[in-house]
Amino acid sequence: MAPENDLRHPYENHRQFLGLSKHTPARVSKNPRVISAYLNHAVQKRDQAQCTHQQEGKRCTERRWLDIHHKKPLSQGGQTTLENLTLLCRGHHQLLHH
């Protein structure tokens, strides 16, 4: 079942949705500041190429000028993994960092 049809957390089944086995490495790049093409594609597909910011229960509808954001910053021990990455439009990304 695709995540958008599942009543659980929308990203809980992302590996199955992306066609990944549980043995697929979660971290693909040796440099944590570089997001590999594989991870970029996986984040875009999982987040449906749309900003994931939510306010008052409504998700942002922006599909242009998207940035990949580390939910837990690298400086605080976050990793460049599919679970720690999300799509944000440029405006919401800047809002989080300023």
N, C-alpha and C. Protein backbone atom coordinates (compact mmCIF):
# COMPACT_ATOMS: atom_id res chain seq x y z
N MET A 1 0.85 -1.18 0.00
CA MET A 1 0.00 0.00 0.00
C MET A 1 0.89 1.24 0.00
N ALA A 2 0.61 2.19 -0.83
CA ALA A 2 1.38 3.43 -0.91
C ALA A 2 1.14 4.27 0.34
N PRO A 3 2.17 5.03 0.81
CA PRO A 3 2.03 5.82 2.03
C PRO A 3 0.83 6.76 2.03
N GLU A 4 0.48 7.33 0.89
CA GLU A 4 -0.63 8.28 0.88
C GLU A 4 -1.97 7.60 1.16
N ASN A 5 -2.05 6.27 1.03
CA ASN A 5 -3.28 5.54 1.33
C ASN A 5 -3.24 4.85 2.68
N ASP A 6 -2.15 4.99 3.39
CA ASP A 6 -1.96 4.32 4.67
C ASP A 6 -2.37 5.26 5.79
N LEU A 7 -3.02 4.73 6.82
CA LEU A 7 -3.47 5.57 7.93
C LEU A 7 -2.37 5.81 8.96
N ARG A 8 -1.27 5.06 8.87
CA ARG A 8 -0.15 5.28 9.77
C ARG A 8 0.62 6.51 9.33
N HIS A 9 1.73 6.78 10.01
CA HIS A 9 2.57 7.92 9.64
C HIS A 9 2.86 7.86 8.16
N PRO A 10 2.75 8.98 7.43
CA PRO A 10 2.86 8.94 5.97
C PRO A 10 4.20 8.44 5.45
N TYR A 11 5.27 8.47 6.26
CA TYR A 11 6.57 8.04 5.76
C TYR A 11 7.00 6.70 6.34
N GLU A 12 6.12 6.06 7.11
CA GLU A 12 6.48 4.82 7.79
C GLU A 12 6.86 3.71 6.80
N ASN A 13 6.21 3.66 5.68
CA ASN A 13 6.46 2.60 4.71
C ASN A 13 7.29 3.09 3.52
N HIS A 14 8.12 4.10 3.73
CA HIS A 14 8.83 4.70 2.60
C HIS A 14 9.74 3.71 1.88
N ARG A 15 10.37 2.80 2.59
CA ARG A 15 11.25 1.85 1.92
C ARG A 15 10.47 0.96 0.95
N GLN A 16 9.32 0.48 1.40
CA GLN A 16 8.48 -0.35 0.53
C GLN A 16 7.95 0.49 -0.63
N PHE A 17 7.51 1.71 -0.36
CA PHE A 17 6.98 2.60 -1.39
C PHE A 17 8.02 2.88 -2.47
N LEU A 18 9.28 3.03 -2.06
CA LEU A 18 10.35 3.32 -3.01
C LEU A 18 10.91 2.06 -3.65
N GLY A 19 10.44 0.91 -3.21
CA GLY A 19 10.93 -0.34 -3.76
C GLY A 19 12.29 -0.72 -3.22
N LEU A 20 12.60 -0.27 -2.00
CA LEU A 20 13.89 -0.55 -1.38
C LEU A 20 13.75 -1.70 -0.41
N SER A 21 14.76 -2.52 -0.34
CA SER A 21 14.76 -3.58 0.66
C SER A 21 15.26 -3.00 1.98
N LYS A 22 15.06 -3.73 3.05
CA LYS A 22 15.54 -3.26 4.35
C LYS A 22 17.06 -3.28 4.40
N HIS A 23 17.69 -3.88 3.40
CA HIS A 23 19.15 -3.95 3.36
C HIS A 23 19.77 -2.83 2.54
N THR A 24 18.94 -2.00 1.92
CA THR A 24 19.46 -0.87 1.16
C THR A 24 20.08 0.12 2.13
N PRO A 25 21.29 0.58 1.89
CA PRO A 25 21.92 1.50 2.83
C PRO A 25 21.13 2.79 2.96
N ALA A 26 20.95 3.24 4.20
CA ALA A 26 20.21 4.48 4.45
C ALA A 26 21.08 5.69 4.13
N ARG A 27 22.40 5.53 4.26
CA ARG A 27 23.31 6.63 3.99
C ARG A 27 24.13 6.24 2.77
N VAL A 28 24.04 7.05 1.75
CA VAL A 28 24.69 6.69 0.50
C VAL A 28 25.95 7.49 0.25
N SER A 29 26.01 8.71 0.74
CA SER A 29 27.14 9.58 0.48
C SER A 29 28.15 9.50 1.62
N LYS A 30 29.44 9.48 1.28
CA LYS A 30 30.48 9.48 2.30
C LYS A 30 30.60 10.86 2.95
N ASN A 31 30.31 11.90 2.19
CA ASN A 31 30.34 13.26 2.72
C ASN A 31 28.92 13.63 3.16
N PRO A 32 28.69 13.84 4.48
CA PRO A 32 27.33 14.08 4.96
C PRO A 32 26.71 15.37 4.43
N ARG A 33 27.51 16.28 3.90
CA ARG A 33 26.96 17.53 3.37
C ARG A 33 26.50 17.39 1.92
N VAL A 34 26.85 16.27 1.31
CA VAL A 34 26.46 16.02 -0.08
C VAL A 34 25.31 15.04 -0.10
N ILE A 35 24.21 15.43 -0.73
CA ILE A 35 23.06 14.55 -0.86
C ILE A 35 23.15 13.89 -2.23
N SER A 36 23.32 12.59 -2.21
CA SER A 36 23.50 11.85 -3.46
C SER A 36 22.26 11.94 -4.34
N ALA A 37 22.43 11.64 -5.60
CA ALA A 37 21.30 11.62 -6.53
C ALA A 37 20.27 10.59 -6.08
N TYR A 38 20.73 9.47 -5.54
CA TYR A 38 19.84 8.43 -5.03
C TYR A 38 18.95 8.98 -3.90
N LEU A 39 19.57 9.63 -2.91
CA LEU A 39 18.80 10.19 -1.80
C LEU A 39 17.89 11.32 -2.27
N ASN A 40 18.39 12.15 -3.17
CA ASN A 40 17.58 13.23 -3.72
C ASN A 40 16.31 12.66 -4.35
N HIS A 41 16.47 11.64 -5.18
CA HIS A 41 15.33 11.01 -5.84
C HIS A 41 14.38 10.40 -4.80
N ALA A 42 14.93 9.72 -3.81
CA ALA A 42 14.10 9.07 -2.80
C ALA A 42 13.29 10.10 -2.00
N VAL A 43 13.92 11.22 -1.63
CA VAL A 43 13.22 12.27 -0.88
C VAL A 43 12.13 12.89 -1.76
N GLN A 44 12.46 13.18 -3.01
CA GLN A 44 11.48 13.77 -3.93
C GLN A 44 10.27 12.86 -4.09
N LYS A 45 10.52 11.57 -4.25
CA LYS A 45 9.43 10.62 -4.45
C LYS A 45 8.59 10.47 -3.18
N ARG A 46 9.26 10.29 -2.06
CA ARG A 46 8.54 10.11 -0.79
C ARG A 46 7.67 11.32 -0.46
N ASP A 47 8.23 12.52 -0.65
CA ASP A 47 7.51 13.76 -0.30
C ASP A 47 6.64 14.27 -1.45
N GLN A 48 6.54 13.50 -2.51
CA GLN A 48 5.70 13.81 -3.66
C GLN A 48 6.07 15.16 -4.29
N ALA A 49 7.37 15.47 -4.29
CA ALA A 49 7.90 16.70 -4.90
C ALA A 49 7.11 17.93 -4.45
N GLN A 50 6.86 18.00 -3.14
CA GLN A 50 6.08 19.10 -2.57
C GLN A 50 6.64 19.44 -1.19
N CYS A 51 6.59 20.72 -0.85
CA CYS A 51 7.04 21.18 0.46
C CYS A 51 6.28 20.42 1.55
N THR A 52 6.99 19.98 2.59
CA THR A 52 6.36 19.21 3.66
C THR A 52 5.96 20.06 4.87
N HIS A 53 6.20 21.37 4.81
CA HIS A 53 5.84 22.23 5.94
C HIS A 53 4.33 22.21 6.14
N GLN A 54 3.92 22.09 7.40
CA GLN A 54 2.49 22.11 7.72
C GLN A 54 2.20 23.20 8.73
N GLN A 55 1.09 23.87 8.53
CA GLN A 55 0.64 24.89 9.46
C GLN A 55 -0.87 24.76 9.60
N GLU A 56 -1.32 24.66 10.84
CA GLU A 56 -2.74 24.50 11.14
C GLU A 56 -3.32 23.29 10.41
N GLY A 57 -2.54 22.23 10.32
CA GLY A 57 -3.01 20.99 9.70
C GLY A 57 -3.02 20.98 8.19
N LYS A 58 -2.58 22.08 7.57
CA LYS A 58 -2.55 22.14 6.11
C LYS A 58 -1.10 22.13 5.62
N ARG A 59 -0.87 21.28 4.62
CA ARG A 59 0.48 21.18 4.04
C ARG A 59 0.67 22.26 2.98
N CYS A 60 1.85 22.84 2.96
CA CYS A 60 2.20 23.82 1.93
C CYS A 60 2.06 23.16 0.56
N THR A 61 1.55 23.89 -0.40
CA THR A 61 1.31 23.33 -1.74
C THR A 61 2.44 23.64 -2.73
N GLU A 62 3.48 24.32 -2.28
CA GLU A 62 4.56 24.71 -3.18
C GLU A 62 5.29 23.49 -3.73
N ARG A 63 5.49 23.49 -5.05
CA ARG A 63 6.21 22.41 -5.73
C ARG A 63 7.42 22.93 -6.50
N ARG A 64 7.69 24.22 -6.38
CA ARG A 64 8.86 24.80 -7.05
C ARG A 64 9.83 25.31 -5.99
N TRP A 65 11.06 25.51 -6.38
CA TRP A 65 12.10 26.04 -5.51
C TRP A 65 12.20 25.25 -4.21
N LEU A 66 12.30 23.94 -4.34
CA LEU A 66 12.36 23.06 -3.18
C LEU A 66 13.81 22.79 -2.78
N ASP A 67 14.04 22.80 -1.49
CA ASP A 67 15.35 22.48 -0.91
C ASP A 67 15.20 21.21 -0.08
N ILE A 68 16.28 20.46 0.02
CA ILE A 68 16.28 19.31 0.93
C ILE A 68 16.86 19.80 2.25
N HIS A 69 16.12 19.55 3.32
CA HIS A 69 16.45 20.04 4.66
C HIS A 69 16.74 18.88 5.59
N HIS A 70 17.80 19.02 6.41
CA HIS A 70 18.08 18.06 7.46
C HIS A 70 17.19 18.39 8.65
N LYS A 71 16.31 17.48 9.06
CA LYS A 71 15.44 17.72 10.21
C LYS A 71 16.26 17.94 11.47
N LYS A 72 17.21 17.06 11.71
CA LYS A 72 18.17 17.23 12.80
C LYS A 72 19.47 17.69 12.16
N PRO A 73 19.91 18.91 12.43
CA PRO A 73 21.10 19.45 11.75
C PRO A 73 22.35 18.59 11.94
N LEU A 74 23.20 18.61 10.94
CA LEU A 74 24.47 17.89 11.01
C LEU A 74 25.27 18.34 12.22
N SER A 75 25.21 19.63 12.53
CA SER A 75 25.97 20.18 13.66
C SER A 75 25.48 19.64 15.00
N GLN A 76 24.30 19.07 15.03
CA GLN A 76 23.75 18.50 16.26
C GLN A 76 23.72 16.97 16.21
N GLY A 77 24.50 16.40 15.31
CA GLY A 77 24.60 14.95 15.22
C GLY A 77 23.64 14.31 14.22
N GLY A 78 22.91 15.12 13.47
CA GLY A 78 22.02 14.58 12.45
C GLY A 78 22.82 13.94 11.32
N GLN A 79 22.20 13.04 10.61
CA GLN A 79 22.88 12.35 9.52
C GLN A 79 22.16 12.61 8.20
N THR A 80 22.88 12.35 7.13
CA THR A 80 22.31 12.49 5.80
C THR A 80 21.69 11.14 5.42
N THR A 81 20.51 10.91 5.97
CA THR A 81 19.76 9.68 5.72
C THR A 81 18.37 10.06 5.25
N LEU A 82 17.71 9.13 4.62
CA LEU A 82 16.36 9.38 4.12
C LEU A 82 15.44 9.79 5.26
N GLU A 83 15.61 9.18 6.41
CA GLU A 83 14.74 9.48 7.55
C GLU A 83 14.96 10.89 8.09
N ASN A 84 16.14 11.46 7.89
CA ASN A 84 16.45 12.77 8.44
C ASN A 84 16.31 13.90 7.41
N LEU A 85 15.89 13.58 6.20
CA LEU A 85 15.76 14.58 5.15
C LEU A 85 14.30 14.84 4.81
N THR A 86 14.00 16.08 4.47
CA THR A 86 12.65 16.44 4.06
C THR A 86 12.72 17.56 3.04
N LEU A 87 11.67 17.72 2.25
CA LEU A 87 11.60 18.80 1.27
C LEU A 87 10.91 20.01 1.87
N LEU A 88 11.51 21.16 1.67
CA LEU A 88 10.91 22.43 2.07
C LEU A 88 11.04 23.42 0.92
N CYS A 89 10.02 24.23 0.73
CA CYS A 89 10.15 25.30 -0.27
C CYS A 89 11.15 26.32 0.28
N ARG A 90 11.69 27.12 -0.60
CA ARG A 90 12.72 28.07 -0.21
C ARG A 90 12.25 28.97 0.94
N GLY A 91 11.01 29.43 0.90
CA GLY A 91 10.49 30.31 1.95
C GLY A 91 10.44 29.65 3.31
N HIS A 92 9.93 28.42 3.37
CA HIS A 92 9.85 27.72 4.66
C HIS A 92 11.24 27.28 5.14
N HIS A 93 12.12 26.96 4.22
CA HIS A 93 13.48 26.60 4.59
C HIS A 93 14.18 27.80 5.23
N GLN A 94 14.05 28.96 4.63
CA GLN A 94 14.66 30.17 5.18
C GLN A 94 14.02 30.51 6.53
N LEU A 95 12.73 30.32 6.66
CA LEU A 95 12.02 30.58 7.92
C LEU A 95 12.59 29.75 9.06
N LEU A 96 12.91 28.49 8.78
CA LEU A 96 13.47 27.61 9.81
C LEU A 96 14.89 28.00 10.23
N HIS A 97 15.64 28.60 9.32
CA HIS A 97 17.05 28.91 9.60
C HIS A 97 17.28 30.36 10.04
N HIS A 98 16.24 31.16 10.09
CA HIS A 98 16.43 32.57 10.48
C HIS A 98 15.52 32.95 11.60
